[in-house]
PDB file of N, CA and C in Angstrom:
ATOM      1  N   UNK A   1     -58.772 -24.788 -64.513  1.00  0.00           N
ATOM      2  CA  UNK A   1     -57.885 -25.241 -63.452  1.00  0.00           C
ATOM      3  C   UNK A   1     -56.524 -25.556 -64.061  1.00  0.00           C
ATOM      4  N   UNK A   2     -55.486 -24.918 -63.540  1.00  0.00           N
ATOM      5  CA  UNK A   2     -54.133 -25.117 -64.073  1.00  0.00           C
ATOM      6  C   UNK A   2     -53.516 -26.383 -63.503  1.00  0.00           C
ATOM      7  N   UNK A   3     -52.765 -27.060 -64.366  1.00  0.00           N
ATOM      8  CA  UNK A   3     -52.035 -28.245 -63.921  1.00  0.00           C
ATOM      9  C   UNK A   3     -50.691 -27.802 -63.377  1.00  0.00           C
ATOM     10  N   UNK A   4     -50.306 -28.402 -62.254  1.00  0.00           N
ATOM     11  CA  UNK A   4     -49.035 -28.058 -61.634  1.00  0.00           C
ATOM     12  C   UNK A   4     -48.157 -29.304 -61.623  1.00  0.00           C
ATOM     13  N   UNK A   5     -46.949 -29.171 -62.139  1.00  0.00           N
ATOM     14  CA  UNK A   5     -46.030 -30.296 -62.227  1.00  0.00           C
ATOM     15  C   UNK A   5     -45.280 -30.449 -60.905  1.00  0.00           C
ATOM     16  N   UNK A   6     -45.132 -31.703 -60.462  1.00  0.00           N
ATOM     17  CA  UNK A   6     -44.432 -31.999 -59.212  1.00  0.00           C
ATOM     18  C   UNK A   6     -43.322 -32.980 -59.524  1.00  0.00           C
ATOM     19  N   UNK A   7     -42.130 -32.709 -59.008  1.00  0.00           N
ATOM     20  CA  UNK A   7     -40.984 -33.592 -59.186  1.00  0.00           C
ATOM     21  C   UNK A   7     -40.516 -34.051 -57.814  1.00  0.00           C
ATOM     22  N   UNK A   8     -40.492 -35.373 -57.593  1.00  0.00           N
ATOM     23  CA  UNK A   8     -40.007 -35.921 -56.333  1.00  0.00           C
ATOM     24  C   UNK A   8     -38.512 -36.158 -56.485  1.00  0.00           C
ATOM     25  N   UNK A   9     -37.710 -35.562 -55.603  1.00  0.00           N
ATOM     26  CA  UNK A   9     -36.262 -35.677 -55.735  1.00  0.00           C
ATOM     27  C   UNK A   9     -35.649 -36.599 -54.684  1.00  0.00           C
ATOM     28  N   UNK A  10     -36.377 -36.908 -53.594  1.00  0.00           N
ATOM     29  CA  UNK A  10     -35.817 -37.772 -52.559  1.00  0.00           C
ATOM     30  C   UNK A  10     -36.944 -38.388 -51.742  1.00  0.00           C
ATOM     31  N   UNK A  11     -36.778 -39.652 -51.390  1.00  0.00           N
ATOM     32  CA  UNK A  11     -37.704 -40.342 -50.497  1.00  0.00           C
ATOM     33  C   UNK A  11     -36.861 -40.949 -49.387  1.00  0.00           C
ATOM     34  N   UNK A  12     -37.156 -40.574 -48.159  1.00  0.00           N
ATOM     35  CA  UNK A  12     -36.376 -41.079 -47.021  1.00  0.00           C
ATOM     36  C   UNK A  12     -37.152 -42.197 -46.346  1.00  0.00           C
ATOM     37  N   UNK A  13     -36.629 -43.419 -46.447  1.00  0.00           N
ATOM     38  CA  UNK A  13     -37.234 -44.591 -45.828  1.00  0.00           C
ATOM     39  C   UNK A  13     -36.161 -45.253 -44.973  1.00  0.00           C
ATOM     40  N   UNK A  14     -36.438 -45.482 -43.699  1.00  0.00           N
ATOM     41  CA  UNK A  14     -35.454 -46.160 -42.861  1.00  0.00           C
ATOM     42  C   UNK A  14     -35.132 -47.554 -43.403  1.00  0.00           C
ATOM     43  N   UNK A  15     -33.863 -47.955 -43.270  1.00  0.00           N
ATOM     44  CA  UNK A  15     -33.389 -49.203 -43.858  1.00  0.00           C
ATOM     45  C   UNK A  15     -34.184 -50.399 -43.359  1.00  0.00           C
ATOM     46  N   UNK A  16     -34.371 -50.516 -42.039  1.00  0.00           N
ATOM     47  CA  UNK A  16     -35.044 -51.704 -41.495  1.00  0.00           C
ATOM     48  C   UNK A  16     -36.523 -51.716 -41.850  1.00  0.00           C
ATOM     49  N   UNK A  17     -37.107 -50.558 -42.048  1.00  0.00           N
ATOM     50  CA  UNK A  17     -38.488 -50.497 -42.506  1.00  0.00           C
ATOM     51  C   UNK A  17     -38.595 -51.052 -43.926  1.00  0.00           C
ATOM     52  N   UNK A  18     -37.628 -50.725 -44.752  1.00  0.00           N
ATOM     53  CA  UNK A  18     -37.602 -51.245 -46.116  1.00  0.00           C
ATOM     54  C   UNK A  18     -37.343 -52.754 -46.131  1.00  0.00           C
ATOM     55  N   UNK A  19     -36.455 -53.219 -45.245  1.00  0.00           N
ATOM     56  CA  UNK A  19     -36.197 -54.666 -45.138  1.00  0.00           C
ATOM     57  C   UNK A  19     -37.468 -55.398 -44.728  1.00  0.00           C
ATOM     58  N   UNK A  20     -38.186 -54.867 -43.742  1.00  0.00           N
ATOM     59  CA  UNK A  20     -39.419 -55.498 -43.282  1.00  0.00           C
ATOM     60  C   UNK A  20     -40.469 -55.519 -44.398  1.00  0.00           C
ATOM     61  N   UNK A  21     -40.552 -54.462 -45.182  1.00  0.00           N
ATOM     62  CA  UNK A  21     -41.478 -54.434 -46.315  1.00  0.00           C
ATOM     63  C   UNK A  21     -41.135 -55.531 -47.322  1.00  0.00           C
ATOM     64  N   UNK A  22     -39.848 -55.718 -47.611  1.00  0.00           N
ATOM     65  CA  UNK A  22     -39.441 -56.749 -48.568  1.00  0.00           C
ATOM     66  C   UNK A  22     -39.724 -58.147 -48.027  1.00  0.00           C
ATOM     67  N   UNK A  23     -39.574 -58.348 -46.726  1.00  0.00           N
ATOM     68  CA  UNK A  23     -39.894 -59.651 -46.120  1.00  0.00           C
ATOM     69  C   UNK A  23     -41.383 -59.927 -46.258  1.00  0.00           C
ATOM     70  N   UNK A  24     -42.207 -58.931 -46.005  1.00  0.00           N
ATOM     71  CA  UNK A  24     -43.655 -59.118 -46.135  1.00  0.00           C
ATOM     72  C   UNK A  24     -44.055 -59.398 -47.585  1.00  0.00           C
ATOM     73  N   UNK A  25     -43.415 -58.716 -48.520  1.00  0.00           N
ATOM     74  CA  UNK A  25     -43.703 -58.959 -49.937  1.00  0.00           C
ATOM     75  C   UNK A  25     -43.315 -60.385 -50.322  1.00  0.00           C
ATOM     76  N   UNK A  26     -42.165 -60.851 -49.836  1.00  0.00           N
ATOM     77  CA  UNK A  26     -41.718 -62.211 -50.149  1.00  0.00           C
ATOM     78  C   UNK A  26     -42.664 -63.239 -49.543  1.00  0.00           C
ATOM     79  N   UNK A  27     -43.122 -63.012 -48.322  1.00  0.00           N
ATOM     80  CA  UNK A  27     -44.052 -63.952 -47.696  1.00  0.00           C
ATOM     81  C   UNK A  27     -45.416 -63.941 -48.383  1.00  0.00           C
ATOM     82  N   UNK A  28     -45.847 -62.792 -48.853  1.00  0.00           N
ATOM     83  CA  UNK A  28     -47.131 -62.703 -49.554  1.00  0.00           C
ATOM     84  C   UNK A  28     -47.058 -63.349 -50.931  1.00  0.00           C
ATOM     85  N   UNK A  29     -45.870 -63.448 -51.498  1.00  0.00           N
ATOM     86  CA  UNK A  29     -45.724 -64.038 -52.828  1.00  0.00           C
ATOM     87  C   UNK A  29     -45.900 -65.554 -52.797  1.00  0.00           C
ATOM     88  N   UNK A  30     -45.651 -66.184 -51.648  1.00  0.00           N
ATOM     89  CA  UNK A  30     -45.744 -67.653 -51.565  1.00  0.00           C
ATOM     90  C   UNK A  30     -47.174 -68.139 -51.818  1.00  0.00           C
ATOM     91  N   UNK A  31     -48.188 -67.669 -51.076  1.00  0.00           N
ATOM     92  CA  UNK A  31     -49.545 -68.125 -51.382  1.00  0.00           C
ATOM     93  C   UNK A  31     -50.026 -67.684 -52.769  1.00  0.00           C
ATOM     94  N   UNK A  32     -49.568 -66.515 -53.223  1.00  0.00           N
ATOM     95  CA  UNK A  32     -49.955 -66.067 -54.564  1.00  0.00           C
ATOM     96  C   UNK A  32     -49.411 -67.023 -55.619  1.00  0.00           C
ATOM     97  N   UNK A  33     -48.178 -67.490 -55.441  1.00  0.00           N
ATOM     98  CA  UNK A  33     -47.600 -68.448 -56.384  1.00  0.00           C
ATOM     99  C   UNK A  33     -48.362 -69.762 -56.353  1.00  0.00           C
ATOM    100  N   UNK A  34     -48.751 -70.208 -55.169  1.00  0.00           N
ATOM    101  CA  UNK A  34     -49.510 -71.468 -55.065  1.00  0.00           C
ATOM    102  C   UNK A  34     -50.846 -71.343 -55.782  1.00  0.00           C
ATOM    103  N   UNK A  35     -51.530 -70.213 -55.593  1.00  0.00           N
ATOM    104  CA  UNK A  35     -52.820 -70.006 -56.263  1.00  0.00           C
ATOM    105  C   UNK A  35     -52.643 -69.984 -57.778  1.00  0.00           C
ATOM    106  N   UNK A  36     -51.622 -69.275 -58.257  1.00  0.00           N
ATOM    107  CA  UNK A  36     -51.380 -69.240 -59.703  1.00  0.00           C
ATOM    108  C   UNK A  36     -51.014 -70.617 -60.248  1.00  0.00           C
ATOM    109  N   UNK A  37     -50.269 -71.406 -59.478  1.00  0.00           N
ATOM    110  CA  UNK A  37     -49.899 -72.760 -59.895  1.00  0.00           C
ATOM    111  C   UNK A  37     -51.146 -73.635 -60.037  1.00  0.00           C
ATOM    112  N   UNK A  38     -52.047 -73.558 -59.055  1.00  0.00           N
ATOM    113  CA  UNK A  38     -53.276 -74.358 -59.103  1.00  0.00           C
ATOM    114  C   UNK A  38     -54.160 -73.908 -60.265  1.00  0.00           C
ATOM    115  N   UNK A  39     -54.293 -72.597 -60.457  1.00  0.00           N
ATOM    116  CA  UNK A  39     -55.096 -72.108 -61.583  1.00  0.00           C
ATOM    117  C   UNK A  39     -54.487 -72.533 -62.918  1.00  0.00           C
ATOM    118  N   UNK A  40     -53.165 -72.465 -63.027  1.00  0.00           N
ATOM    119  CA  UNK A  40     -52.510 -72.902 -64.253  1.00  0.00           C
ATOM    120  C   UNK A  40     -52.726 -74.384 -64.510  1.00  0.00           C
ATOM    121  N   UNK A  41     -52.680 -75.192 -63.448  1.00  0.00           N
ATOM    122  CA  UNK A  41     -52.931 -76.617 -63.623  1.00  0.00           C
ATOM    123  C   UNK A  41     -54.362 -76.860 -64.068  1.00  0.00           C
ATOM    124  N   UNK A  42     -55.310 -76.162 -63.447  1.00  0.00           N
ATOM    125  CA  UNK A  42     -56.714 -76.380 -63.797  1.00  0.00           C
ATOM    126  C   UNK A  42     -57.012 -75.932 -65.225  1.00  0.00           C
ATOM    127  N   UNK A  43     -56.424 -74.832 -65.651  1.00  0.00           N
ATOM    128  CA  UNK A  43     -56.727 -74.308 -66.984  1.00  0.00           C
ATOM    129  C   UNK A  43     -55.926 -74.989 -68.089  1.00  0.00           C
ATOM    130  N   UNK A  44     -54.677 -75.370 -67.796  1.00  0.00           N
ATOM    131  CA  UNK A  44     -53.807 -75.896 -68.845  1.00  0.00           C
ATOM    132  C   UNK A  44     -53.527 -77.394 -68.705  1.00  0.00           C
ATOM    133  N   UNK A  45     -53.344 -77.856 -67.488  1.00  0.00           N
ATOM    134  CA  UNK A  45     -52.936 -79.234 -67.295  1.00  0.00           C
ATOM    135  C   UNK A  45     -54.073 -80.216 -67.204  1.00  0.00           C
ATOM    136  N   UNK A  46     -55.164 -79.819 -66.603  1.00  0.00           N
ATOM    137  CA  UNK A  46     -56.279 -80.744 -66.379  1.00  0.00           C
ATOM    138  C   UNK A  46     -56.901 -81.253 -67.682  1.00  0.00           C
ATOM    139  N   UNK A  47     -57.135 -80.420 -68.690  1.00  0.00           N
ATOM    140  CA  UNK A  47     -57.709 -80.960 -69.935  1.00  0.00           C
ATOM    141  C   UNK A  47     -56.796 -82.019 -70.591  1.00  0.00           C
ATOM    142  N   UNK A  48     -55.489 -81.826 -70.516  1.00  0.00           N
ATOM    143  CA  UNK A  48     -54.576 -82.822 -71.087  1.00  0.00           C
ATOM    144  C   UNK A  48     -54.539 -84.070 -70.225  1.00  0.00           C
ATOM    145  N   UNK A  49     -54.698 -83.928 -68.928  1.00  0.00           N
ATOM    146  CA  UNK A  49     -54.663 -85.061 -68.008  1.00  0.00           C
ATOM    147  C   UNK A  49     -55.897 -85.951 -68.176  1.00  0.00           C
ATOM    148  N   UNK A  50     -57.035 -85.354 -68.549  1.00  0.00           N
ATOM    149  CA  UNK A  50     -58.275 -86.104 -68.654  1.00  0.00           C
ATOM    150  C   UNK A  50     -58.459 -86.805 -69.993  1.00  0.00           C
ATOM    151  N   UNK A  51     -57.559 -86.606 -70.916  1.00  0.00           N
ATOM    152  CA  UNK A  51     -57.698 -87.267 -72.228  1.00  0.00           C
ATOM    153  C   UNK A  51     -57.594 -88.745 -72.138  1.00  0.00           C
TER     154      UNK A  51
END
Protein backbone atom coordinates (compact mmCIF):
# COMPACT_ATOMS: atom_id res chain seq x y z
CA UNK A 1 0.00 0.00 0.00
CA UNK A 2 1.52 3.31 -1.10
CA UNK A 3 1.60 6.28 1.21
CA UNK A 4 0.14 9.46 -0.20
CA UNK A 5 1.24 12.84 1.14
CA UNK A 6 -1.44 15.47 1.80
CA UNK A 7 -0.77 19.18 2.30
CA UNK A 8 -3.50 21.40 3.75
CA UNK A 9 -3.14 24.91 2.34
CA UNK A 10 -6.29 26.64 3.68
CA UNK A 11 -8.97 26.13 6.32
CA UNK A 12 -12.07 28.30 6.07
CA UNK A 13 -13.75 28.87 9.45
CA UNK A 14 -16.32 31.62 9.94
CA UNK A 15 -15.13 34.30 12.37
CA UNK A 16 -18.04 34.04 14.83
CA UNK A 17 -17.79 30.26 14.85
CA UNK A 18 -14.16 30.59 15.88
CA UNK A 19 -15.07 33.18 18.54
CA UNK A 20 -17.71 30.84 19.96
CA UNK A 21 -15.19 27.98 20.04
CA UNK A 22 -12.73 30.14 22.00
CA UNK A 23 -15.46 31.15 24.47
CA UNK A 24 -16.31 27.49 25.06
CA UNK A 25 -12.63 26.63 25.54
CA UNK A 26 -12.24 29.46 28.06
CA UNK A 27 -15.33 28.35 29.99
CA UNK A 28 -14.17 24.72 30.00
CA UNK A 29 -10.79 25.79 31.38
CA UNK A 30 -12.34 27.18 34.59
CA UNK A 31 -13.48 23.85 36.11
CA UNK A 32 -10.32 22.17 34.80
CA UNK A 33 -8.20 24.74 36.65
CA UNK A 34 -10.21 24.20 39.85
CA UNK A 35 -9.72 20.42 39.62
CA UNK A 36 -5.98 20.82 39.03
CA UNK A 37 -5.75 23.27 41.95
CA UNK A 38 -7.48 20.81 44.31
CA UNK A 39 -5.32 17.91 43.11
CA UNK A 40 -2.19 20.01 43.54
CA UNK A 41 -3.23 20.94 47.07
CA UNK A 42 -3.96 17.32 47.97
CA UNK A 43 -0.70 16.00 46.53
CA UNK A 44 1.66 18.84 47.48
CA UNK A 45 0.08 21.02 50.13
CA UNK A 46 -1.75 18.59 52.37
CA UNK A 47 1.32 16.62 53.56
CA UNK A 48 3.02 19.88 54.59
CA UNK A 49 -0.17 21.14 56.24
CA UNK A 50 -0.52 17.99 58.37
CA UNK A 51 2.97 18.17 59.88
